[in-house]
Amino acid sequence: LPDTLCLPLIAQRQTLGLIYFESRKARGEQR
């Protein structure tokens, strides 16, 4: 499984979007 992170974009208790990240290195090599 690739190392990914999803962060919801929320303001005033309203969901507006998402910012998504994924590591370019092998799993465990990048924090």
Full PDB file with SEQRES, HELIX, SHEET, SSBOND, CRYST1, ORIGX, SCALE, CONECT and MASTER records, all heavy atoms in Angstrom:
SEQRES   1 A   31  LEU PRO ASP THR LEU CYS LEU PRO LEU ILE ALA GLN ARG          
SEQRES   2 A   31  GLN THR LEU GLY LEU ILE TYR PHE GLU SER ARG LYS ALA          
SEQRES   3 A   31  ARG GLY GLU GLN ARG                                          
SHEET    1 AA1 2 THR A   4  ALA A  11  0                                        
SHEET    2 AA1 2 GLN A  14  GLU A  22 -1                                        
CRYST1    1.000    1.000    1.000  90.00  90.00  90.00 P 1           1          
ORIGX1      1.000000  0.000000  0.000000        0.00000                         
ORIGX2      0.000000  1.000000  0.000000        0.00000                         
ORIGX3      0.000000  0.000000  1.000000        0.00000                         
SCALE1      1.000000  0.000000  0.000000        0.00000                         
SCALE2      0.000000  1.000000  0.000000        0.00000                         
SCALE3      0.000000  0.000000  1.000000        0.00000                         
ATOM      1  N   LEU A   1       0.836  -1.196   0.000  1.00  0.00           N  
ATOM      2  CA  LEU A   1       0.000   0.000   0.000  1.00  0.00           C  
ATOM      3  C   LEU A   1       0.874   1.250   0.000  1.00  0.00           C  
ATOM      4  O   LEU A   1       1.772   1.384   0.840  1.00  0.00           O  
ATOM      5  CB  LEU A   1      -0.903  -0.011   1.233  1.00  0.00           C  
ATOM      6  CG  LEU A   1      -2.035   1.011   1.284  1.00  0.00           C  
ATOM      7  CD1 LEU A   1      -3.031   0.737   0.165  1.00  0.00           C  
ATOM      8  CD2 LEU A   1      -2.730   0.958   2.635  1.00  0.00           C  
ATOM      9  N   PRO A   2       0.680   2.160  -0.959  1.00  0.00           N  
ATOM     10  CA  PRO A   2       1.489   3.384  -0.962  1.00  0.00           C  
ATOM     11  C   PRO A   2       1.197   4.249   0.252  1.00  0.00           C  
ATOM     12  O   PRO A   2       0.092   4.218   0.798  1.00  0.00           O  
ATOM     13  CB  PRO A   2       1.078   4.078  -2.265  1.00  0.00           C  
ATOM     14  CG  PRO A   2      -0.292   3.558  -2.561  1.00  0.00           C  
ATOM     15  CD  PRO A   2      -0.310   2.143  -2.057  1.00  0.00           C  
ATOM     16  N   ASP A   3       2.198   5.019   0.666  1.00  0.00           N  
ATOM     17  CA  ASP A   3       2.058   5.875   1.835  1.00  0.00           C  
ATOM     18  C   ASP A   3       1.388   7.182   1.402  1.00  0.00           C  
ATOM     19  O   ASP A   3       2.008   8.027   0.748  1.00  0.00           O  
ATOM     20  CB  ASP A   3       3.429   6.154   2.457  1.00  0.00           C  
ATOM     21  CG  ASP A   3       3.304   6.594   3.909  1.00  0.00           C  
ATOM     22  OD1 ASP A   3       2.169   6.683   4.401  1.00  0.00           O  
ATOM     23  OD2 ASP A   3       4.347   6.850   4.537  1.00  0.00           O  
ATOM     24  N   THR A   4       0.113   7.351   1.739  1.00  0.00           N  
ATOM     25  CA  THR A   4      -0.659   8.520   1.321  1.00  0.00           C  
ATOM     26  C   THR A   4      -1.325   9.155   2.543  1.00  0.00           C  
ATOM     27  O   THR A   4      -1.497   8.511   3.585  1.00  0.00           O  
ATOM     28  CB  THR A   4      -1.746   8.142   0.301  1.00  0.00           C  
ATOM     29  OG1 THR A   4      -2.678   7.240   0.916  1.00  0.00           O  
ATOM     30  CG2 THR A   4      -1.129   7.485  -0.929  1.00  0.00           C  
ATOM     31  N   LEU A   5      -1.700  10.402   2.382  1.00  0.00           N  
ATOM     32  CA  LEU A   5      -2.384  11.125   3.453  1.00  0.00           C  
ATOM     33  C   LEU A   5      -3.441  12.034   2.841  1.00  0.00           C  
ATOM     34  O   LEU A   5      -3.145  12.824   1.934  1.00  0.00           O  
ATOM     35  CB  LEU A   5      -1.377  11.961   4.252  1.00  0.00           C  
ATOM     36  CG  LEU A   5      -1.957  12.830   5.372  1.00  0.00           C  
ATOM     37  CD1 LEU A   5      -2.563  11.960   6.468  1.00  0.00           C  
ATOM     38  CD2 LEU A   5      -0.891  13.748   5.945  1.00  0.00           C  
ATOM     39  N   CYS A   6      -4.670  11.928   3.312  1.00  0.00           N  
ATOM     40  CA  CYS A   6      -5.774  12.796   2.878  1.00  0.00           C  
ATOM     41  C   CYS A   6      -6.144  13.720   4.031  1.00  0.00           C  
ATOM     42  O   CYS A   6      -6.398  13.251   5.148  1.00  0.00           O  
ATOM     43  CB  CYS A   6      -6.998  11.968   2.473  1.00  0.00           C  
ATOM     44  SG  CYS A   6      -6.745  10.896   1.043  1.00  0.00           S  
ATOM     45  N   LEU A   7      -6.190  15.021   3.746  1.00  0.00           N  
ATOM     46  CA  LEU A   7      -6.529  16.016   4.760  1.00  0.00           C  
ATOM     47  C   LEU A   7      -7.754  16.794   4.302  1.00  0.00           C  
ATOM     48  O   LEU A   7      -7.702  17.498   3.290  1.00  0.00           O  
ATOM     49  CB  LEU A   7      -5.358  16.978   4.979  1.00  0.00           C  
ATOM     50  CG  LEU A   7      -4.111  16.388   5.638  1.00  0.00           C  
ATOM     51  CD1 LEU A   7      -2.941  17.340   5.490  1.00  0.00           C  
ATOM     52  CD2 LEU A   7      -4.366  16.102   7.101  1.00  0.00           C  
ATOM     53  N   PRO A   8      -8.877  16.677   4.994  1.00  0.00           N  
ATOM     54  CA  PRO A   8     -10.064  17.442   4.592  1.00  0.00           C  
ATOM     55  C   PRO A   8      -9.858  18.927   4.834  1.00  0.00           C  
ATOM     56  O   PRO A   8      -9.217  19.337   5.807  1.00  0.00           O  
ATOM     57  CB  PRO A   8     -11.170  16.879   5.489  1.00  0.00           C  
ATOM     58  CG  PRO A   8     -10.450  16.356   6.698  1.00  0.00           C  
ATOM     59  CD  PRO A   8      -9.119  15.872   6.208  1.00  0.00           C  
ATOM     60  N   LEU A   9     -10.394  19.744   3.938  1.00  0.00           N  
ATOM     61  CA  LEU A   9     -10.342  21.197   4.076  1.00  0.00           C  
ATOM     62  C   LEU A   9     -11.688  21.642   4.641  1.00  0.00           C  
ATOM     63  O   LEU A   9     -12.701  21.595   3.950  1.00  0.00           O  
ATOM     64  CB  LEU A   9     -10.066  21.855   2.724  1.00  0.00           C  
ATOM     65  CG  LEU A   9      -8.767  21.414   2.031  1.00  0.00           C  
ATOM     66  CD1 LEU A   9      -8.635  22.089   0.673  1.00  0.00           C  
ATOM     67  CD2 LEU A   9      -7.558  21.695   2.893  1.00  0.00           C  
ATOM     68  N   ILE A  10     -11.675  22.044   5.892  1.00  0.00           N  
ATOM     69  CA  ILE A  10     -12.912  22.364   6.606  1.00  0.00           C  
ATOM     70  C   ILE A  10     -12.795  23.755   7.207  1.00  0.00           C  
ATOM     71  O   ILE A  10     -11.753  24.114   7.767  1.00  0.00           O  
ATOM     72  CB  ILE A  10     -13.193  21.326   7.711  1.00  0.00           C  
ATOM     73  CG1 ILE A  10     -13.335  19.930   7.101  1.00  0.00           C  
ATOM     74  CG2 ILE A  10     -14.438  21.687   8.503  1.00  0.00           C  
ATOM     75  CD1 ILE A  10     -13.472  18.833   8.134  1.00  0.00           C  
ATOM     76  N   ALA A  11     -13.837  24.542   7.076  1.00  0.00           N  
ATOM     77  CA  ALA A  11     -13.904  25.855   7.716  1.00  0.00           C  
ATOM     78  C   ALA A  11     -15.350  26.125   8.087  1.00  0.00           C  
ATOM     79  O   ALA A  11     -16.262  25.835   7.300  1.00  0.00           O  
ATOM     80  CB  ALA A  11     -13.384  26.947   6.788  1.00  0.00           C  
ATOM     81  N   GLN A  12     -15.550  26.664   9.275  1.00  0.00           N  
ATOM     82  CA  GLN A  12     -16.902  26.947   9.766  1.00  0.00           C  
ATOM     83  C   GLN A  12     -17.777  25.697   9.698  1.00  0.00           C  
ATOM     84  O   GLN A  12     -18.948  25.761   9.309  1.00  0.00           O  
ATOM     85  CB  GLN A  12     -17.536  28.080   8.952  1.00  0.00           C  
ATOM     86  CG  GLN A  12     -16.728  29.353   8.892  1.00  0.00           C  
ATOM     87  CD  GLN A  12     -16.569  30.016  10.246  1.00  0.00           C  
ATOM     88  OE1 GLN A  12     -17.455  29.927  11.073  1.00  0.00           O  
ATOM     89  NE2 GLN A  12     -15.441  30.672  10.470  1.00  0.00           N  
ATOM     90  N   ARG A  13     -17.165  24.550  10.063  1.00  0.00           N  
ATOM     91  CA  ARG A  13     -17.857  23.249  10.080  1.00  0.00           C  
ATOM     92  C   ARG A  13     -18.427  22.867   8.713  1.00  0.00           C  
ATOM     93  O   ARG A  13     -19.369  22.077   8.607  1.00  0.00           O  
ATOM     94  CB  ARG A  13     -18.980  23.259  11.129  1.00  0.00           C  
ATOM     95  CG  ARG A  13     -18.457  23.331  12.546  1.00  0.00           C  
ATOM     96  CD  ARG A  13     -19.576  23.391  13.562  1.00  0.00           C  
ATOM     97  NE  ARG A  13     -20.337  24.632  13.451  1.00  0.00           N  
ATOM     98  CZ  ARG A  13     -21.351  24.951  14.242  1.00  0.00           C  
ATOM     99  NH1 ARG A  13     -21.745  24.115  15.182  1.00  0.00           N  
ATOM    100  NH2 ARG A  13     -21.983  26.102  14.092  1.00  0.00           N  
ATOM    101  N   GLN A  14     -17.847  23.396   7.669  1.00  0.00           N  
ATOM    102  CA  GLN A  14     -18.291  23.095   6.306  1.00  0.00           C  
ATOM    103  C   GLN A  14     -17.124  22.523   5.513  1.00  0.00           C  
ATOM    104  O   GLN A  14     -16.039  23.110   5.480  1.00  0.00           O  
ATOM    105  CB  GLN A  14     -18.818  24.353   5.628  1.00  0.00           C  
ATOM    106  CG  GLN A  14     -19.319  24.128   4.211  1.00  0.00           C  
ATOM    107  CD  GLN A  14     -19.768  25.408   3.549  1.00  0.00           C  
ATOM    108  OE1 GLN A  14     -19.577  26.501   4.088  1.00  0.00           O  
ATOM    109  NE2 GLN A  14     -20.373  25.293   2.378  1.00  0.00           N  
ATOM    110  N   THR A  15     -17.335  21.373   4.889  1.00  0.00           N  
ATOM    111  CA  THR A  15     -16.293  20.757   4.065  1.00  0.00           C  
ATOM    112  C   THR A  15     -16.206  21.473   2.724  1.00  0.00           C  
ATOM    113  O   THR A  15     -17.206  21.608   2.016  1.00  0.00           O  
ATOM    114  CB  THR A  15     -16.586  19.264   3.843  1.00  0.00           C  
ATOM    115  OG1 THR A  15     -16.635  18.602   5.113  1.00  0.00           O  
ATOM    116  CG2 THR A  15     -15.499  18.629   2.996  1.00  0.00           C  
ATOM    117  N   LEU A  16     -14.993  21.931   2.390  1.00  0.00           N  
ATOM    118  CA  LEU A  16     -14.790  22.718   1.174  1.00  0.00           C  
ATOM    119  C   LEU A  16     -13.946  21.992   0.138  1.00  0.00           C  
ATOM    120  O   LEU A  16     -13.993  22.343  -1.044  1.00  0.00           O  
ATOM    121  CB  LEU A  16     -14.118  24.049   1.523  1.00  0.00           C  
ATOM    122  CG  LEU A  16     -14.878  24.938   2.503  1.00  0.00           C  
ATOM    123  CD1 LEU A  16     -14.001  26.090   2.947  1.00  0.00           C  
ATOM    124  CD2 LEU A  16     -16.160  25.442   1.873  1.00  0.00           C  
ATOM    125  N   GLY A  17     -13.166  21.003   0.573  1.00  0.00           N  
ATOM    126  CA  GLY A  17     -12.303  20.319  -0.382  1.00  0.00           C  
ATOM    127  C   GLY A  17     -11.399  19.342   0.328  1.00  0.00           C  
ATOM    128  O   GLY A  17     -11.676  18.876   1.448  1.00  0.00           O  
ATOM    129  N   LEU A  18     -10.288  19.021  -0.319  1.00  0.00           N  
ATOM    130  CA  LEU A  18      -9.358  18.019   0.199  1.00  0.00           C  
ATOM    131  C   LEU A  18      -7.965  18.340  -0.330  1.00  0.00           C  
ATOM    132  O   LEU A  18      -7.815  18.752  -1.487  1.00  0.00           O  
ATOM    133  CB  LEU A  18      -9.785  16.627  -0.273  1.00  0.00           C  
ATOM    134  CG  LEU A  18      -8.895  15.454   0.140  1.00  0.00           C  
ATOM    135  CD1 LEU A  18      -9.220  15.050   1.576  1.00  0.00           C  
ATOM    136  CD2 LEU A  18      -9.094  14.264  -0.796  1.00  0.00           C  
ATOM    137  N   ILE A  19      -6.954  18.148   0.531  1.00  0.00           N  
ATOM    138  CA  ILE A  19      -5.585  18.211   0.054  1.00  0.00           C  
ATOM    139  C   ILE A  19      -4.980  16.825   0.259  1.00  0.00           C  
ATOM    140  O   ILE A  19      -5.106  16.233   1.341  1.00  0.00           O  
ATOM    141  CB  ILE A  19      -4.772  19.324   0.766  1.00  0.00           C  
ATOM    142  CG1 ILE A  19      -3.387  19.458   0.119  1.00  0.00           C  
ATOM    143  CG2 ILE A  19      -4.676  19.109   2.253  1.00  0.00           C  
ATOM    144  CD1 ILE A  19      -2.652  20.725   0.522  1.00  0.00           C  
ATOM    145  N   TYR A  20      -4.392  16.292  -0.806  1.00  0.00           N  
ATOM    146  CA  TYR A  20      -3.917  14.911  -0.832  1.00  0.00           C  
ATOM    147  C   TYR A  20      -2.403  14.903  -1.004  1.00  0.00           C  
ATOM    148  O   TYR A  20      -1.851  15.675  -1.800  1.00  0.00           O  
ATOM    149  CB  TYR A  20      -4.588  14.159  -1.990  1.00  0.00           C  
ATOM    150  CG  TYR A  20      -3.904  12.875  -2.392  1.00  0.00           C  
ATOM    151  CD1 TYR A  20      -4.151  11.697  -1.704  1.00  0.00           C  
ATOM    152  CD2 TYR A  20      -3.012  12.850  -3.453  1.00  0.00           C  
ATOM    153  CE1 TYR A  20      -3.529  10.514  -2.075  1.00  0.00           C  
ATOM    154  CE2 TYR A  20      -2.384  11.675  -3.835  1.00  0.00           C  
ATOM    155  CZ  TYR A  20      -2.638  10.512  -3.148  1.00  0.00           C  
ATOM    156  OH  TYR A  20      -2.026   9.352  -3.513  1.00  0.00           O  
ATOM    157  N   PHE A  21      -1.717  14.030  -0.238  1.00  0.00           N  
ATOM    158  CA  PHE A  21      -0.268  13.894  -0.336  1.00  0.00           C  
ATOM    159  C   PHE A  21       0.090  12.428  -0.496  1.00  0.00           C  
ATOM    160  O   PHE A  21      -0.594  11.535   0.023  1.00  0.00           O  
ATOM    161  CB  PHE A  21       0.424  14.420   0.930  1.00  0.00           C  
ATOM    162  CG  PHE A  21       0.360  15.910   1.096  1.00  0.00           C  
ATOM    163  CD1 PHE A  21      -0.632  16.486   1.870  1.00  0.00           C  
ATOM    164  CD2 PHE A  21       1.297  16.732   0.481  1.00  0.00           C  
ATOM    165  CE1 PHE A  21      -0.695  17.851   2.029  1.00  0.00           C  
ATOM    166  CE2 PHE A  21       1.238  18.102   0.640  1.00  0.00           C  
ATOM    167  CZ  PHE A  21       0.242  18.668   1.409  1.00  0.00           C  
ATOM    168  N   GLU A  22       1.198  12.200  -1.202  1.00  0.00           N  
ATOM    169  CA  GLU A  22       1.759  10.856  -1.264  1.00  0.00           C  
ATOM    170  C   GLU A  22       3.282  10.962  -1.240  1.00  0.00           C  
ATOM    171  O   GLU A  22       3.880  11.890  -1.789  1.00  0.00           O  
ATOM    172  CB  GLU A  22       1.304  10.113  -2.518  1.00  0.00           C  
ATOM    173  CG  GLU A  22       1.738  10.730  -3.825  1.00  0.00           C  
ATOM    174  CD  GLU A  22       1.163   9.994  -5.033  1.00  0.00           C  
ATOM    175  OE1 GLU A  22      -0.042   9.664  -5.025  1.00  0.00           O  
ATOM    176  OE2 GLU A  22       1.929   9.766  -5.988  1.00  0.00           O  
ATOM    177  N   SER A  23       3.915   9.997  -0.548  1.00  0.00           N  
ATOM    178  CA  SER A  23       5.369   9.999  -0.433  1.00  0.00           C  
ATOM    179  C   SER A  23       5.999   9.537  -1.740  1.00  0.00           C  
ATOM    180  O   SER A  23       5.504   8.610  -2.385  1.00  0.00           O  
ATOM    181  CB  SER A  23       5.799   9.075   0.709  1.00  0.00           C  
ATOM    182  OG  SER A  23       7.204   8.957   0.748  1.00  0.00           O  
ATOM    183  N   ARG A  24       7.080  10.198  -2.135  1.00  0.00           N  
ATOM    184  CA  ARG A  24       7.783   9.808  -3.368  1.00  0.00           C  
ATOM    185  C   ARG A  24       8.782   8.685  -3.125  1.00  0.00           C  
ATOM    186  O   ARG A  24       9.341   8.144  -4.073  1.00  0.00           O  
ATOM    187  CB  ARG A  24       8.516  11.018  -3.958  1.00  0.00           C  
ATOM    188  CG  ARG A  24       7.627  12.200  -4.278  1.00  0.00           C  
ATOM    189  CD  ARG A  24       6.526  11.821  -5.253  1.00  0.00           C  
ATOM    190  NE  ARG A  24       7.054  11.333  -6.503  1.00  0.00           N  
ATOM    191  CZ  ARG A  24       7.381  12.108  -7.541  1.00  0.00           C  
ATOM    192  NH1 ARG A  24       7.187  13.407  -7.462  1.00  0.00           N  
ATOM    193  NH2 ARG A  24       7.853  11.599  -8.645  1.00  0.00           N  
ATOM    194  N   LYS A  25       9.052   8.361  -1.864  1.00  0.00           N  
ATOM    195  CA  LYS A  25      10.019   7.314  -1.537  1.00  0.00           C  
ATOM    196  C   LYS A  25       9.291   6.050  -1.094  1.00  0.00           C  
ATOM    197  O   LYS A  25       8.077   6.025  -0.957  1.00  0.00           O  
ATOM    198  CB  LYS A  25      10.957   7.803  -0.436  1.00  0.00           C  
ATOM    199  CG  LYS A  25      11.802   8.995  -0.844  1.00  0.00           C  
ATOM    200  CD  LYS A  25      12.747   9.412   0.261  1.00  0.00           C  
ATOM    201  CE  LYS A  25      13.594  10.601  -0.171  1.00  0.00           C  
ATOM    202  NZ  LYS A  25      14.529  11.036   0.899  1.00  0.00           N  
ATOM    203  N   ALA A  26      10.098   4.992  -0.859  1.00  0.00           N  
ATOM    204  CA  ALA A  26       9.505   3.728  -0.423  1.00  0.00           C  
ATOM    205  C   ALA A  26       8.867   3.905   0.949  1.00  0.00           C  
ATOM    206  O   ALA A  26       9.240   4.776   1.733  1.00  0.00           O  
ATOM    207  CB  ALA A  26      10.574   2.641  -0.376  1.00  0.00           C  
ATOM    208  N   ARG A  27       7.905   3.049   1.205  1.00  0.00           N  
ATOM    209  CA  ARG A  27       7.169   3.143   2.459  1.00  0.00           C  
ATOM    210  C   ARG A  27       8.120   3.036   3.646  1.00  0.00           C  
ATOM    211  O   ARG A  27       8.952   2.139   3.715  1.00  0.00           O  
ATOM    212  CB  ARG A  27       6.123   2.026   2.500  1.00  0.00           C  
ATOM    213  CG  ARG A  27       5.277   2.021   3.749  1.00  0.00           C  
ATOM    214  CD  ARG A  27       4.191   0.978   3.607  1.00  0.00           C  
ATOM    215  NE  ARG A  27       3.476   0.749   4.854  1.00  0.00           N  
ATOM    216  CZ  ARG A  27       2.495  -0.116   4.998  1.00  0.00           C  
ATOM    217  NH1 ARG A  27       2.096  -0.832   3.945  1.00  0.00           N  
ATOM    218  NH2 ARG A  27       1.885  -0.271   6.150  1.00  0.00           N  
ATOM    219  N   GLY A  28       7.992   3.957   4.574  1.00  0.00           N  
ATOM    220  CA  GLY A  28       8.827   3.971   5.765  1.00  0.00           C  
ATOM    221  C   GLY A  28      10.084   4.799   5.646  1.00  0.00           C  
ATOM    222  O   GLY A  28      10.750   5.049   6.650  1.00  0.00           O  
ATOM    223  N   GLU A  29      10.448   5.231   4.424  1.00  0.00           N  
ATOM    224  CA  GLU A  29      11.682   5.992   4.237  1.00  0.00           C  
ATOM    225  C   GLU A  29      11.464   7.500   4.354  1.00  0.00           C  
ATOM    226  O   GLU A  29      12.426   8.258   4.384  1.00  0.00           O  
ATOM    227  CB  GLU A  29      12.301   5.680   2.864  1.00  0.00           C  
ATOM    228  CG  GLU A  29      12.804   4.254   2.728  1.00  0.00           C  
ATOM    229  CD  GLU A  29      13.478   4.014   1.390  1.00  0.00           C  
ATOM    230  OE1 GLU A  29      13.644   5.000   0.637  1.00  0.00           O  
ATOM    231  OE2 GLU A  29      13.839   2.864   1.096  1.00  0.00           O  
ATOM    232  N   GLN A  30      10.249   7.937   4.395  1.00  0.00           N  
ATOM    233  CA  GLN A  30       9.959   9.373   4.432  1.00  0.00           C  
ATOM    234  C   GLN A  30       8.775   9.611   5.372  1.00  0.00           C  
ATOM    235  O   GLN A  30       7.731   8.994   5.239  1.00  0.00           O  
ATOM    236  CB  GLN A  30       9.632   9.889   3.027  1.00  0.00           C  
ATOM    237  CG  GLN A  30       9.627  11.387   2.891  1.00  0.00           C  
ATOM    238  CD  GLN A  30       9.429  11.804   1.436  1.00  0.00           C  
ATOM    239  OE1 GLN A  30       8.888  11.052   0.636  1.00  0.00           O  
ATOM    240  NE2 GLN A  30       9.867  12.994   1.105  1.00  0.00           N  
ATOM    241  N   ARG A  31       8.974  10.469   6.339  1.00  0.00           N  
ATOM    242  CA  ARG A  31       7.942  10.739   7.334  1.00  0.00           C  
ATOM    243  C   ARG A  31       7.136  11.969   6.933  1.00  0.00           C  
ATOM    244  O   ARG A  31       7.689  12.972   6.479  1.00  0.00           O  
ATOM    245  CB  ARG A  31       8.571  10.967   8.707  1.00  0.00           C  
ATOM    246  CG  ARG A  31       9.232   9.725   9.286  1.00  0.00           C  
ATOM    247  CD  ARG A  31       9.821  10.036  10.645  1.00  0.00           C  
ATOM    248  NE  ARG A  31       8.810  10.475  11.587  1.00  0.00           N  
ATOM    249  CZ  ARG A  31       8.057   9.666  12.311  1.00  0.00           C  
ATOM    250  NH1 ARG A  31       8.202   8.352  12.190  1.00  0.00           N  
ATOM    251  NH2 ARG A  31       7.153  10.138  13.157  1.00  0.00           N  
TER     252      ARG A  31                                                      
MASTER        0    0    0    0    2    0    0    6  251    1    0    3          
END                                                                             
